[in-house]
Amino acid sequence: MKFNVGGIDRILRIIVGIVLIALSLMGTIGVWGWIGIVPLVTGLFKFCPLYSIIGMNTCPMKK
């Protein structure tokens, strides 16, 4: 698996994921907050399947 998520993109994904999950746990936004698992996991693993499909890459590592 090649990395295709890097830098600011990765940090924002992790923050958004944690915030959505936390809001869901507090009951603020309901069950839909669990969708935060997706950006959290893609940020932690530095890989986004959608980026692979559309050919996008934000990771500064050389190919």
N, C-alpha and C. Protein backbone atom coordinates (compact mmCIF):
# COMPACT_ATOMS: atom_id res chain seq x y z
N MET A 1 0.84 -1.17 0.00
CA MET A 1 0.00 0.00 0.00
C MET A 1 0.89 1.24 0.00
N LYS A 2 0.67 2.10 -0.97
CA LYS A 2 1.44 3.34 -1.05
C LYS A 2 0.72 4.43 -0.27
N PHE A 3 1.51 5.32 0.31
CA PHE A 3 0.93 6.45 1.03
C PHE A 3 0.47 7.50 0.03
N ASN A 4 -0.72 8.06 0.24
CA ASN A 4 -1.18 9.12 -0.64
C ASN A 4 -1.82 10.28 0.15
N VAL A 5 -1.70 10.25 1.47
CA VAL A 5 -2.20 11.34 2.32
C VAL A 5 -1.02 11.84 3.15
N GLY A 6 -0.76 13.11 3.08
CA GLY A 6 0.38 13.63 3.83
C GLY A 6 0.16 15.04 4.36
N GLY A 7 1.01 15.43 5.26
CA GLY A 7 1.05 16.80 5.77
C GLY A 7 -0.21 17.30 6.42
N ILE A 8 -0.63 18.48 6.00
CA ILE A 8 -1.79 19.14 6.57
C ILE A 8 -3.06 18.32 6.35
N ASP A 9 -3.15 17.68 5.20
CA ASP A 9 -4.30 16.83 4.90
C ASP A 9 -4.47 15.74 5.97
N ARG A 10 -3.39 15.13 6.34
CA ARG A 10 -3.41 14.06 7.35
C ARG A 10 -3.83 14.60 8.72
N ILE A 11 -3.26 15.71 9.12
CA ILE A 11 -3.58 16.31 10.42
C ILE A 11 -5.05 16.71 10.49
N LEU A 12 -5.56 17.33 9.42
CA LEU A 12 -6.96 17.74 9.39
C LEU A 12 -7.90 16.55 9.45
N ARG A 13 -7.56 15.47 8.76
CA ARG A 13 -8.39 14.26 8.79
C ARG A 13 -8.48 13.70 10.20
N ILE A 14 -7.35 13.64 10.89
CA ILE A 14 -7.32 13.09 12.24
C ILE A 14 -8.13 13.97 13.19
N ILE A 15 -7.96 15.28 13.10
CA ILE A 15 -8.69 16.21 13.97
C ILE A 15 -10.20 16.12 13.71
N VAL A 16 -10.59 16.16 12.45
CA VAL A 16 -12.02 16.09 12.10
C VAL A 16 -12.62 14.77 12.57
N GLY A 17 -11.89 13.68 12.38
CA GLY A 17 -12.37 12.38 12.82
C GLY A 17 -12.60 12.33 14.32
N ILE A 18 -11.62 12.81 15.08
CA ILE A 18 -11.74 12.80 16.54
C ILE A 18 -12.89 13.71 17.00
N VAL A 19 -13.02 14.87 16.40
CA VAL A 19 -14.09 15.80 16.79
C VAL A 19 -15.46 15.18 16.50
N LEU A 20 -15.64 14.59 15.32
CA LEU A 20 -16.92 13.98 14.99
C LEU A 20 -17.28 12.84 15.94
N ILE A 21 -16.31 12.00 16.25
CA ILE A 21 -16.56 10.88 17.16
C ILE A 21 -16.88 11.40 18.57
N ALA A 22 -16.14 12.41 19.01
CA ALA A 22 -16.39 12.99 20.34
C ALA A 22 -17.78 13.61 20.42
N LEU A 23 -18.18 14.34 19.38
CA LEU A 23 -19.52 14.94 19.36
C LEU A 23 -20.60 13.87 19.37
N SER A 24 -20.34 12.77 18.70
CA SER A 24 -21.29 11.66 18.69
C SER A 24 -21.40 11.02 20.07
N LEU A 25 -20.27 10.85 20.73
CA LEU A 25 -20.28 10.26 22.07
C LEU A 25 -20.99 11.15 23.09
N MET A 26 -20.90 12.46 22.90
CA MET A 26 -21.57 13.40 23.80
C MET A 26 -23.05 13.55 23.47
N GLY A 27 -23.48 12.99 22.35
CA GLY A 27 -24.89 13.07 21.97
C GLY A 27 -25.26 14.35 21.25
N THR A 28 -24.28 15.12 20.86
CA THR A 28 -24.55 16.40 20.21
C THR A 28 -25.06 16.24 18.78
N ILE A 29 -24.43 15.34 18.00
CA ILE A 29 -24.81 15.20 16.60
C ILE A 29 -25.40 13.84 16.27
N GLY A 30 -25.55 13.01 17.25
CA GLY A 30 -26.19 11.72 17.03
C GLY A 30 -25.27 10.68 16.40
N VAL A 31 -25.90 9.67 15.84
CA VAL A 31 -25.18 8.51 15.31
C VAL A 31 -24.32 8.87 14.09
N TRP A 32 -24.70 9.89 13.36
CA TRP A 32 -23.95 10.25 12.15
C TRP A 32 -22.52 10.68 12.45
N GLY A 33 -22.22 11.02 13.67
CA GLY A 33 -20.86 11.41 14.04
C GLY A 33 -19.86 10.27 13.92
N TRP A 34 -20.37 9.05 13.94
CA TRP A 34 -19.47 7.89 13.80
C TRP A 34 -18.85 7.80 12.41
N ILE A 35 -19.33 8.60 11.47
CA ILE A 35 -18.70 8.67 10.15
C ILE A 35 -17.28 9.23 10.29
N GLY A 36 -16.99 9.83 11.44
CA GLY A 36 -15.65 10.35 11.72
C GLY A 36 -14.59 9.27 11.74
N ILE A 37 -15.01 8.01 11.82
CA ILE A 37 -14.05 6.91 11.78
C ILE A 37 -13.31 6.90 10.44
N VAL A 38 -14.00 7.26 9.38
CA VAL A 38 -13.39 7.23 8.04
C VAL A 38 -12.21 8.20 7.93
N PRO A 39 -12.39 9.50 8.21
CA PRO A 39 -11.22 10.38 8.11
C PRO A 39 -10.14 10.05 9.14
N LEU A 40 -10.54 9.57 10.33
CA LEU A 40 -9.56 9.20 11.34
C LEU A 40 -8.67 8.06 10.85
N VAL A 41 -9.27 7.02 10.32
CA VAL A 41 -8.50 5.87 9.84
C VAL A 41 -7.64 6.23 8.63
N THR A 42 -8.19 6.99 7.69
CA THR A 42 -7.39 7.37 6.52
C THR A 42 -6.23 8.27 6.91
N GLY A 43 -6.43 9.10 7.92
CA GLY A 43 -5.33 9.94 8.41
C GLY A 43 -4.26 9.14 9.13
N LEU A 44 -4.67 8.17 9.92
CA LEU A 44 -3.71 7.36 10.67
C LEU A 44 -2.89 6.45 9.76
N PHE A 45 -3.55 5.88 8.74
CA PHE A 45 -2.85 4.96 7.84
C PHE A 45 -2.20 5.65 6.64
N LYS A 46 -2.41 6.97 6.51
CA LYS A 46 -1.85 7.76 5.41
C LYS A 46 -2.29 7.25 4.04
N PHE A 47 -3.46 6.64 3.97
CA PHE A 47 -3.94 6.09 2.71
C PHE A 47 -5.44 6.34 2.58
N CYS A 48 -5.83 6.89 1.43
CA CYS A 48 -7.23 7.15 1.15
C CYS A 48 -7.60 6.42 -0.14
N PRO A 49 -8.52 5.45 -0.08
CA PRO A 49 -8.91 4.72 -1.28
C PRO A 49 -9.49 5.63 -2.37
N LEU A 50 -10.22 6.66 -1.99
CA LEU A 50 -10.79 7.58 -2.97
C LEU A 50 -9.68 8.31 -3.73
N TYR A 51 -8.63 8.72 -3.02
CA TYR A 51 -7.50 9.37 -3.68
C TYR A 51 -6.88 8.44 -4.73
N SER A 52 -6.81 7.16 -4.44
CA SER A 52 -6.26 6.19 -5.39
C SER A 52 -7.11 6.13 -6.65
N ILE A 53 -8.42 6.14 -6.46
CA ILE A 53 -9.34 6.05 -7.60
C ILE A 53 -9.22 7.26 -8.51
N ILE A 54 -9.13 8.45 -7.92
CA ILE A 54 -9.09 9.67 -8.74
C ILE A 54 -7.67 10.11 -9.08
N GLY A 55 -6.68 9.39 -8.57
CA GLY A 55 -5.29 9.69 -8.90
C GLY A 55 -4.70 10.88 -8.16
N MET A 56 -5.25 11.20 -7.02
CA MET A 56 -4.75 12.33 -6.24
C MET A 56 -3.72 11.86 -5.22
N ASN A 57 -2.77 12.72 -4.89
CA ASN A 57 -1.73 12.38 -3.92
C ASN A 57 -1.27 13.66 -3.23
N THR A 58 -1.39 13.71 -1.89
CA THR A 58 -0.93 14.88 -1.15
C THR A 58 0.32 14.56 -0.32
N CYS A 59 0.82 13.36 -0.47
CA CYS A 59 2.00 12.94 0.28
C CYS A 59 3.25 13.42 -0.44
N PRO A 60 4.16 14.10 0.28
CA PRO A 60 5.35 14.64 -0.36
C PRO A 60 6.44 13.62 -0.66
N MET A 61 6.22 12.35 -0.30
CA MET A 61 7.24 11.33 -0.53
C MET A 61 7.42 11.08 -2.04
N LYS A 62 8.63 10.76 -2.43
CA LYS A 62 8.90 10.52 -3.84
C LYS A 62 8.23 9.22 -4.27
N LYS A 63 7.82 9.21 -5.54
CA LYS A 63 7.15 8.04 -6.09
C LYS A 63 8.13 6.96 -6.46
